[in-house]
Protein backbone atom coordinates (compact mmCIF):
# COMPACT_ATOMS: atom_id res chain seq x y z
CA UNK A 1 -3.99 -30.98 24.83
CA UNK A 2 -5.97 -27.84 23.99
CA UNK A 3 -4.01 -24.66 24.69
CA UNK A 4 -5.89 -21.48 25.44
CA UNK A 5 -3.11 -18.96 24.70
CA UNK A 6 0.55 -18.76 23.74
CA UNK A 7 2.74 -15.76 24.43
CA UNK A 8 3.99 -13.73 21.47
CA UNK A 9 7.01 -15.47 19.98
CA UNK A 10 6.36 -18.75 21.78
CA UNK A 11 5.92 -21.00 18.78
CA UNK A 12 3.23 -23.63 19.30
CA UNK A 13 3.68 -27.13 17.89
CA UNK A 14 3.12 -26.82 14.14
CA UNK A 15 -0.60 -26.90 13.44
CA UNK A 16 -1.67 -26.48 17.07
CA UNK A 17 -4.33 -23.76 17.11
CA UNK A 18 -4.98 -22.14 20.50
CA UNK A 19 -8.36 -20.83 21.56
CA UNK A 20 -7.18 -17.22 21.93
CA UNK A 21 -4.49 -14.90 20.61
CA UNK A 22 -2.94 -11.50 21.17
CA UNK A 23 -4.02 -8.81 18.72
CA UNK A 24 -3.55 -5.07 18.30
CA UNK A 25 -7.19 -4.02 18.39
CA UNK A 26 -9.11 -0.87 17.46
CA UNK A 27 -12.52 -0.24 19.05
CA UNK A 28 -14.97 2.52 18.24
CA UNK A 29 -14.68 4.14 21.65
CA UNK A 30 -10.94 4.62 21.02
CA UNK A 31 -11.21 6.21 17.57
CA UNK A 32 -8.78 9.08 17.29
CA UNK A 33 -5.01 9.51 17.28
CA UNK A 34 -3.47 6.22 16.16
CA UNK A 35 -1.12 5.93 19.14
CA UNK A 36 -4.15 5.63 21.43
CA UNK A 37 -6.54 3.82 19.09
CA UNK A 38 -4.47 0.60 18.93
CA UNK A 39 -4.35 -1.51 22.09
CA UNK A 40 -3.08 -5.03 22.65
CA UNK A 41 -5.91 -7.35 23.69
CA UNK A 42 -6.61 -11.07 23.94
CA UNK A 43 -9.35 -12.18 21.53
CA UNK A 44 -10.61 -15.47 20.17
CA UNK A 45 -8.73 -17.05 17.29
CA UNK A 46 -11.07 -16.91 14.27
CA UNK A 47 -12.54 -20.12 12.89
CA UNK A 48 -11.24 -21.30 9.54
CA UNK A 49 -13.91 -21.72 6.87
CA UNK A 50 -13.95 -23.24 3.42
CA UNK A 51 -11.21 -21.84 1.21
CA UNK A 52 -9.59 -20.03 4.13
CA UNK A 53 -6.15 -20.25 5.72
CA UNK A 54 -5.01 -19.44 9.25
CA UNK A 55 -1.51 -17.95 9.23
CA UNK A 56 0.85 -17.70 12.19
CA UNK A 57 2.04 -14.12 11.67
CA UNK A 58 5.76 -13.46 11.89
CA UNK A 59 5.77 -9.81 10.78
CA UNK A 60 3.32 -7.23 9.45
CA UNK A 61 3.64 -4.21 7.16
CA UNK A 62 2.49 -0.69 8.07
CA UNK A 63 0.26 1.23 5.66
CA UNK A 64 -1.87 4.36 5.67
CA UNK A 65 -5.19 2.53 5.45
CA UNK A 66 -5.05 1.67 9.14
CA UNK A 67 -4.42 5.30 10.01
CA UNK A 68 -7.94 5.75 8.63
CA UNK A 69 -9.14 2.76 10.67
CA UNK A 70 -7.74 4.31 13.84
CA UNK A 71 -9.32 7.69 13.13
CA UNK A 72 -12.70 6.16 12.28
CA UNK A 73 -12.82 8.28 9.15
CA UNK A 74 -13.42 8.69 6.30
CA UNK A 75 -15.08 5.32 6.92
CA UNK A 76 -16.04 3.80 10.27
CA UNK A 77 -14.94 0.30 9.28
CA UNK A 78 -16.37 -1.40 12.37
CA UNK A 79 -19.84 0.11 11.98
CA UNK A 80 -19.80 -0.72 8.27
CA UNK A 81 -19.12 -4.38 9.00
CA UNK A 82 -21.75 -4.51 11.74
CA UNK A 83 -24.24 -3.03 9.29
CA UNK A 84 -23.46 -5.87 6.89
CA UNK A 85 -24.16 -8.45 9.61
CA UNK A 86 -20.70 -9.00 11.10
CA UNK A 87 -20.80 -9.83 14.81
CA UNK A 88 -17.30 -8.56 15.77
CA UNK A 89 -17.39 -5.06 17.28
CA UNK A 90 -13.65 -4.54 16.90
CA UNK A 91 -11.07 -4.17 14.15
CA UNK A 92 -7.80 -6.05 13.70
CA UNK A 93 -5.93 -4.27 10.93
CA UNK A 94 -2.89 -5.08 8.85
CA UNK A 95 -3.18 -5.55 5.08
CA UNK A 96 0.11 -7.32 4.41
CA UNK A 97 2.41 -9.61 6.30
CA UNK A 98 4.51 -12.75 6.36
CA UNK A 99 4.13 -15.95 8.29
CA UNK A 100 3.54 -19.68 8.33
CA UNK A 101 0.42 -21.55 7.24
CA UNK A 102 -0.99 -23.00 10.48
CA UNK A 103 -4.36 -24.42 9.48
CA UNK A 104 -6.31 -24.78 6.24
CA UNK A 105 -10.02 -25.01 5.54
CA UNK A 106 -11.93 -27.38 3.34
CA UNK A 107 -11.06 -27.12 -0.34
CA UNK A 108 -7.65 -25.49 0.12
CA UNK A 109 -5.11 -27.13 -2.18
CA UNK A 110 -2.57 -24.41 -3.04
CA UNK A 111 -0.88 -24.27 0.38
CA UNK A 112 -0.26 -26.73 3.19
CA UNK A 113 0.47 -26.43 6.90
CA UNK A 114 4.07 -25.33 7.38
CA UNK A 115 4.40 -23.29 4.18
CA UNK A 116 6.14 -19.93 4.59
CA UNK A 117 4.10 -17.24 2.86
CA UNK A 118 3.70 -13.56 2.06
CA UNK A 119 0.15 -12.26 2.38
CA UNK A 120 -1.46 -9.94 -0.17
CA UNK A 121 -4.10 -7.47 0.85
CA UNK A 122 -7.26 -7.84 -1.24
CA UNK A 123 -10.11 -10.34 -1.17
CA UNK A 124 -12.94 -11.09 -3.56
CA UNK A 125 -15.60 -13.71 -4.19
CA UNK A 126 -14.21 -16.08 -6.80
CA UNK A 127 -17.73 -17.13 -7.82
CA UNK A 128 -18.93 -13.53 -8.24
CA UNK A 129 -20.85 -13.04 -11.53
CA UNK A 130 -18.47 -10.39 -12.86
CA UNK A 131 -15.40 -12.54 -12.18
CA UNK A 132 -17.05 -15.52 -13.84
CA UNK A 133 -17.62 -13.30 -16.86
CA UNK A 134 -13.90 -12.56 -17.05
CA UNK A 135 -13.42 -9.42 -14.95
CA UNK A 136 -10.07 -8.75 -13.34
CA UNK A 137 -10.82 -9.60 -9.66
CA UNK A 138 -9.54 -6.16 -8.63
CA UNK A 139 -12.42 -4.59 -10.56
CA UNK A 140 -15.04 -6.94 -9.11
CA UNK A 141 -17.93 -5.54 -7.11
CA UNK A 142 -17.03 -8.18 -4.51
CA UNK A 143 -13.47 -6.88 -3.98
CA UNK A 144 -12.49 -5.56 -0.54
CA UNK A 145 -9.31 -4.75 1.36
CA UNK A 146 -8.32 -7.37 3.92
CA UNK A 147 -7.30 -5.85 7.24
CA UNK A 148 -9.19 -2.64 6.44
CA UNK A 149 -12.66 -3.28 5.07
CA UNK A 150 -12.23 -6.88 6.23
CA UNK A 151 -11.19 -8.05 9.70
CA UNK A 152 -8.54 -10.36 11.20
CA UNK A 153 -5.56 -8.76 9.51
CA UNK A 154 -1.86 -9.19 10.21
CA UNK A 155 -1.69 -7.20 13.48
CA UNK A 156 -2.29 -10.36 15.50
CA UNK A 157 -0.66 -13.69 16.35
CA UNK A 158 -2.88 -15.37 13.77
CA UNK A 159 -4.39 -13.89 10.60
CA UNK A 160 -7.32 -15.27 8.62
CA UNK A 161 -7.01 -15.04 4.82
CA UNK A 162 -8.41 -16.60 1.68
CA UNK A 163 -6.07 -19.18 0.20
CA UNK A 164 -5.21 -17.14 -2.92
CA UNK A 165 -3.76 -14.41 -0.68
CA UNK A 166 -0.85 -16.69 0.21
CA UNK A 167 2.27 -16.28 -1.95
CA UNK A 168 5.51 -18.27 -1.49
CA UNK A 169 7.99 -16.36 0.65
CA UNK A 170 11.41 -16.02 -1.01
CA UNK A 171 13.89 -17.80 1.26
CA UNK A 172 16.44 -14.99 1.12
CA UNK A 173 14.19 -12.41 2.79
CA UNK A 174 13.82 -11.89 6.52
CA UNK A 175 10.29 -12.05 7.88
CA UNK A 176 10.17 -8.27 8.20
CA UNK A 177 11.48 -7.68 4.68
CA UNK A 178 8.90 -10.11 3.30
CA UNK A 179 6.13 -8.35 5.24
CA UNK A 180 6.80 -4.76 4.23
CA UNK A 181 6.77 -4.36 0.45
CA UNK A 182 3.88 -6.15 -1.24
CA UNK A 183 1.13 -3.58 -0.69
CA UNK A 184 3.13 -0.59 -1.86
CA UNK A 185 5.11 -2.55 -4.43
CA UNK A 186 2.17 -4.23 -6.12
CA UNK A 187 0.15 -1.00 -6.03
CA UNK A 188 2.97 0.89 -7.77
CA UNK A 189 3.47 -1.96 -10.24
CA UNK A 190 -0.17 -1.92 -11.34
CA UNK A 191 -0.10 1.87 -11.64
CA UNK A 192 2.99 1.78 -13.85
CA UNK A 193 2.48 -1.45 -15.77
CA UNK A 194 -1.21 -2.32 -15.67
CA UNK A 195 -2.92 0.30 -17.82
CA UNK A 196 -1.91 -0.26 -21.43
CA UNK A 197 -1.17 1.53 -23.64
CA UNK A 198 0.04 3.87 -20.89
CA UNK A 199 2.40 1.38 -19.28
CA UNK A 200 5.94 2.58 -18.71
CA UNK A 201 8.22 1.99 -21.69
CA UNK A 202 11.97 2.52 -22.12
CA UNK A 203 12.82 6.21 -22.06
CA UNK A 204 9.45 7.37 -20.67
CA UNK A 205 9.72 10.26 -18.17
CA UNK A 206 7.69 9.44 -15.05
CA UNK A 207 6.72 11.90 -12.29
CA UNK A 208 6.34 10.25 -8.88
CA UNK A 209 4.66 12.08 -6.01
CA UNK A 210 5.87 11.23 -2.51
CA UNK A 211 9.01 9.67 -3.88
CA UNK A 212 10.54 8.82 -0.50
CA UNK A 213 7.51 7.01 0.88
CA UNK A 214 6.83 3.32 0.53
CA UNK A 215 4.84 3.66 -2.68
CA UNK A 216 7.29 6.14 -4.19
CA UNK A 217 10.34 4.09 -3.23
CA UNK A 218 8.95 1.06 -5.03
CA UNK A 219 7.74 3.15 -8.00
CA UNK A 220 11.20 4.65 -8.59
CA UNK A 221 12.75 1.19 -8.80
CA UNK A 222 9.99 -0.35 -10.93
CA UNK A 223 10.23 2.57 -13.36
CA UNK A 224 13.96 1.94 -13.72
CA UNK A 225 13.42 -1.81 -14.21
CA UNK A 226 10.99 -0.95 -17.03
CA UNK A 227 13.51 1.41 -18.62
CA UNK A 228 11.67 4.60 -17.64
CA UNK A 229 13.21 7.76 -16.19
CA UNK A 230 11.78 8.60 -12.73
CA UNK A 231 11.64 12.09 -11.24
CA UNK A 232 10.53 12.17 -7.60
CA UNK A 233 8.75 14.86 -5.61
CA UNK A 234 10.08 15.20 -2.05
CA UNK A 235 9.92 17.57 0.91
CA UNK A 236 13.57 17.77 2.06
CA UNK A 237 17.14 16.95 1.10
CA UNK A 238 17.33 13.70 3.07
CA UNK A 239 14.36 12.36 1.12
CA UNK A 240 15.91 13.62 -2.10
CA UNK A 241 19.10 11.66 -1.42
CA UNK A 242 17.04 8.54 -0.67
CA UNK A 243 15.27 8.82 -4.02
CA UNK A 244 18.46 9.39 -6.02
CA UNK A 245 20.07 6.37 -4.33
CA UNK A 246 17.10 4.28 -5.47
CA UNK A 247 17.49 5.44 -9.07
CA UNK A 248 15.62 8.73 -9.45
CA UNK A 249 17.01 10.86 -12.28
CA UNK A 250 16.34 13.92 -10.16
CA UNK A 251 14.01 15.36 -7.52
CA UNK A 252 11.74 18.35 -6.98
CA UNK A 253 11.20 19.86 -3.53
CA UNK A 254 7.49 20.59 -3.23
CA UNK A 255 8.18 23.14 -0.48
CA UNK A 256 9.65 25.44 -3.14
CA UNK A 257 6.12 26.00 -4.49
CA UNK A 258 2.87 27.31 -3.04
CA UNK A 259 0.26 26.82 -5.77
CA UNK A 260 -1.13 23.63 -4.20
CA UNK A 261 -4.80 22.99 -3.67
CA UNK A 262 -7.94 23.21 -5.71
CA UNK A 263 -8.05 25.24 -8.92
CA UNK A 264 -9.21 28.87 -8.70
CA UNK A 265 -12.41 29.78 -10.50
CA UNK A 266 -11.60 30.11 -14.19
CA UNK A 267 -13.19 33.56 -14.25
CA UNK A 268 -10.84 34.87 -11.55
CA UNK A 269 -8.01 36.01 -13.81
CA UNK A 270 -5.74 37.20 -11.03
CA UNK A 271 -5.97 33.92 -9.10
CA UNK A 272 -5.63 31.86 -12.26
CA UNK A 273 -2.60 33.91 -13.23
CA UNK A 274 -0.90 33.14 -9.91
CA UNK A 275 -1.73 29.44 -10.22
CA UNK A 276 -0.47 29.29 -13.82
CA UNK A 277 2.76 30.97 -12.82
CA UNK A 278 3.24 28.38 -10.04
CA UNK A 279 2.46 25.33 -12.15
CA UNK A 280 4.73 26.51 -14.98
CA UNK A 281 7.57 26.99 -12.49
CA UNK A 282 6.97 23.43 -11.29
CA UNK A 283 7.11 22.26 -14.90
CA UNK A 284 10.47 23.95 -15.39
CA UNK A 285 11.71 22.23 -12.22
CA UNK A 286 10.64 18.91 -13.74
CA UNK A 287 12.66 19.65 -16.89
CA UNK A 288 15.69 20.55 -14.76
CA UNK A 289 15.41 17.33 -12.75
CA UNK A 290 14.91 15.24 -15.90
CA UNK A 291 17.72 16.96 -17.79
CA UNK A 292 15.62 17.69 -20.91
CA UNK A 293 12.44 19.50 -21.93
CA UNK A 294 9.99 16.60 -21.98
CA UNK A 295 6.70 16.12 -20.17
CA UNK A 296 5.99 13.04 -18.05
CA UNK A 297 4.27 10.22 -19.96
CA UNK A 298 3.00 8.82 -16.67
CA UNK A 299 2.31 10.65 -13.42
CA UNK A 300 2.03 8.40 -10.36
CA UNK A 301 -0.45 10.08 -8.02
CA UNK A 302 -1.78 9.38 -4.56
CA UNK A 303 -1.91 12.79 -2.90
CA UNK A 304 -5.04 13.90 -4.76
CA UNK A 305 -6.66 17.23 -3.96
CA UNK A 306 -3.53 19.37 -3.60
CA UNK A 307 -1.70 18.01 -6.63
CA UNK A 308 -4.13 16.71 -9.27
CA UNK A 309 -4.41 20.11 -11.01
CA UNK A 310 -0.61 20.21 -11.38
CA UNK A 311 -0.42 16.57 -12.49
CA UNK A 312 -3.06 17.00 -15.17
CA UNK A 313 -1.45 20.19 -16.48
CA UNK A 314 2.04 18.71 -16.60
CA UNK A 315 1.19 15.29 -18.05
CA UNK A 316 2.19 14.79 -21.69
CA UNK A 317 -0.32 14.73 -24.55
CA UNK A 318 -1.90 11.24 -24.62
CA UNK A 319 -0.19 10.54 -21.30
CA UNK A 320 -1.74 9.27 -18.08
CA UNK A 321 -2.21 10.45 -14.52
CA UNK A 322 -2.81 7.28 -12.48
CA UNK A 323 -4.03 7.62 -8.91
CA UNK A 324 -4.41 5.20 -6.00
CA UNK A 325 -5.39 7.50 -3.13
CA UNK A 326 -6.14 10.98 -1.90
CA UNK A 327 -3.99 11.71 1.12
CA UNK A 328 -4.52 15.50 0.84
CA UNK A 329 -8.24 15.21 0.10
CA UNK A 330 -10.71 13.73 -2.34
CA UNK A 331 -12.20 16.81 -4.02
CA UNK A 332 -9.67 17.29 -6.79
CA UNK A 333 -10.25 19.72 -9.65
CA UNK A 334 -9.51 19.01 -13.30
CA UNK A 335 -9.44 21.61 -16.06
CA UNK A 336 -11.24 19.56 -18.69
CA UNK A 337 -9.58 21.45 -21.55
CA UNK A 338 -6.31 19.68 -20.78
CA UNK A 339 -8.10 16.34 -20.48
CA UNK A 340 -9.98 16.30 -23.76
CA UNK A 341 -8.05 18.63 -26.08
CA UNK A 342 -4.72 17.03 -25.27
CA UNK A 343 -6.28 13.57 -24.95
CA UNK A 344 -4.87 12.81 -21.53
CA UNK A 345 -6.04 10.02 -19.28
CA UNK A 346 -6.99 10.17 -15.59
CA UNK A 347 -6.97 6.56 -14.39
CA UNK A 348 -7.96 5.16 -11.02
CA UNK A 349 -5.89 2.21 -9.80
CA UNK A 350 -6.35 0.01 -6.75
CA UNK A 351 -3.76 -2.46 -5.38
CA UNK A 352 -3.08 -5.37 -7.78
CA UNK A 353 -4.24 -8.76 -8.99
CA UNK A 354 -2.46 -12.02 -8.18
CA UNK A 355 -0.31 -11.99 -11.31
CA UNK A 356 0.92 -8.49 -10.54
CA UNK A 357 1.67 -9.49 -6.93
CA UNK A 358 3.75 -12.43 -8.11
CA UNK A 359 5.60 -10.16 -10.58
CA UNK A 360 6.63 -7.83 -7.76
CA UNK A 361 7.68 -10.70 -5.50
CA UNK A 362 9.85 -11.97 -8.37
CA UNK A 363 11.49 -8.56 -8.82
CA UNK A 364 12.31 -8.45 -5.10
CA UNK A 365 13.44 -12.08 -4.83
CA UNK A 366 15.83 -11.65 -7.77
CA UNK A 367 17.32 -8.44 -6.39
CA UNK A 368 15.96 -6.15 -9.10
CA UNK A 369 13.89 -4.22 -6.56
CA UNK A 370 14.85 -3.59 -2.94
CA UNK A 371 11.99 -3.95 -0.42
CA UNK A 372 13.17 -0.66 1.13
CA UNK A 373 12.61 -1.71 4.73
CA UNK A 374 13.62 1.39 6.67
CA UNK A 375 12.19 0.73 10.14
CA UNK A 376 11.20 -2.32 12.15
CA UNK A 377 9.29 -2.08 15.40
CA UNK A 378 7.85 -4.49 17.91
CA UNK A 379 4.24 -5.55 18.38
CA UNK A 380 3.64 -2.77 20.90
CA UNK A 381 4.84 -0.19 18.35
CA UNK A 382 1.91 -0.66 15.96
CA UNK A 383 0.09 2.44 17.21
CA UNK A 384 3.33 4.44 17.25
CA UNK A 385 4.12 3.45 13.67
CA UNK A 386 0.73 4.63 12.42
CA UNK A 387 1.01 7.84 14.44
CA UNK A 388 4.34 8.60 12.74
CA UNK A 389 2.70 8.00 9.38
CA UNK A 390 -0.27 10.21 10.29
CA UNK A 391 2.10 13.00 11.38
CA UNK A 392 4.25 12.53 8.24
CA UNK A 393 7.22 11.79 10.50
CA UNK A 394 7.72 8.19 9.37
CA UNK A 395 11.04 7.05 7.88
CA UNK A 396 11.62 6.79 4.15
CA UNK A 397 10.61 3.60 2.41
CA UNK A 398 8.55 0.81 3.99
CA UNK A 399 7.98 -0.08 7.63
CA UNK A 400 7.19 -3.32 9.45
CA UNK A 401 6.56 -4.64 12.94
CA UNK A 402 7.59 -8.01 14.30
CA UNK A 403 4.70 -10.07 15.64
CA UNK A 404 6.01 -13.55 16.45
CA UNK A 405 9.39 -13.28 14.73
CA UNK A 406 12.53 -12.67 16.77
CA UNK A 407 14.80 -9.73 16.02
CA UNK A 408 17.66 -11.94 14.83
CA UNK A 409 16.95 -11.57 11.11
CA UNK A 410 16.31 -14.57 8.89
CA UNK A 411 14.51 -17.37 10.69
CA UNK A 412 12.72 -20.52 9.67
CA UNK A 413 10.10 -22.83 11.11
CA UNK A 414 10.71 -25.70 8.75
């Protein structure tokens, strides 16, 4: 019997694919504040093509990229896909999640119907010329972010992914724990461990911006696992305590400083003097938090415009500032004298490859890294969760929403 729709949480017979599903949908006419941009709708279940997998979503992680989707800026993701020939005039976000393999397309051999999986958030064309020539898939021209640049993400009853996005779910994690950590965790792991020779080594001081957020929470722990010494930047005492509990050597409250933003013109001596005074005071605060007068060998960045000048100044000679975003803006200034004369490195970093994803899952499954799930909402809370993130009112650590999973913790469909 062909079913047209199942209610959220009503588990169909394994492998039964309905015609339609519930999804938290963004449309162009609703672009704006996230709490109003997301709306639950009934849409068609996507068809499964060659190499693809349909996953019955149990829980989904919350990340900043779908704040941008809701706003319609800096990229109108729906219009971009329509321009490329996509026929769907809506967006279903969600770039990480957990669930059960429900259907597989032709050629899929790595997973089977019924497997419990964690979903990673990037896609690429495995036959792309650069990948065939040996490129890391994350550097391929074909790479895109599932559930942001791509559609049919985890904010729906069923998600459509490529088969390599499916990773075995550790049995000891709840659905929500499994859904919340892979995007931030793998991103932090690649930043800290993926850019030799500037990977974190035992004893290396590491400065981590936004230490209490999802990315920062994972970065603090990964730094400790690697033997490094993390110092976290925070905005209040509650966040400072969270970071210390995770293993930060110390914290710096960014609200104690006011030199943020783009660099003054180098010819403006008065303005440059004020900025230099501010950045040197921040450097002394780093020494105090670290407990010794050493510069950070690695600076984990994502805030961008407001903080890059400070990061580049503070970074050690031959050290690295590694950045995966620009939450305060994209036009960041660099005093090139610090870059070339002190032989520092400014490195862009974007999510993680499959090996790095598996490494992070191993660290979590073995208890070396906590997934830092701080808040779990329901399906109708997806807009609320992104609004909290947009307003910088979200809890510390990582957040998730339940899609089909019950609230009773660990569950299984096997």
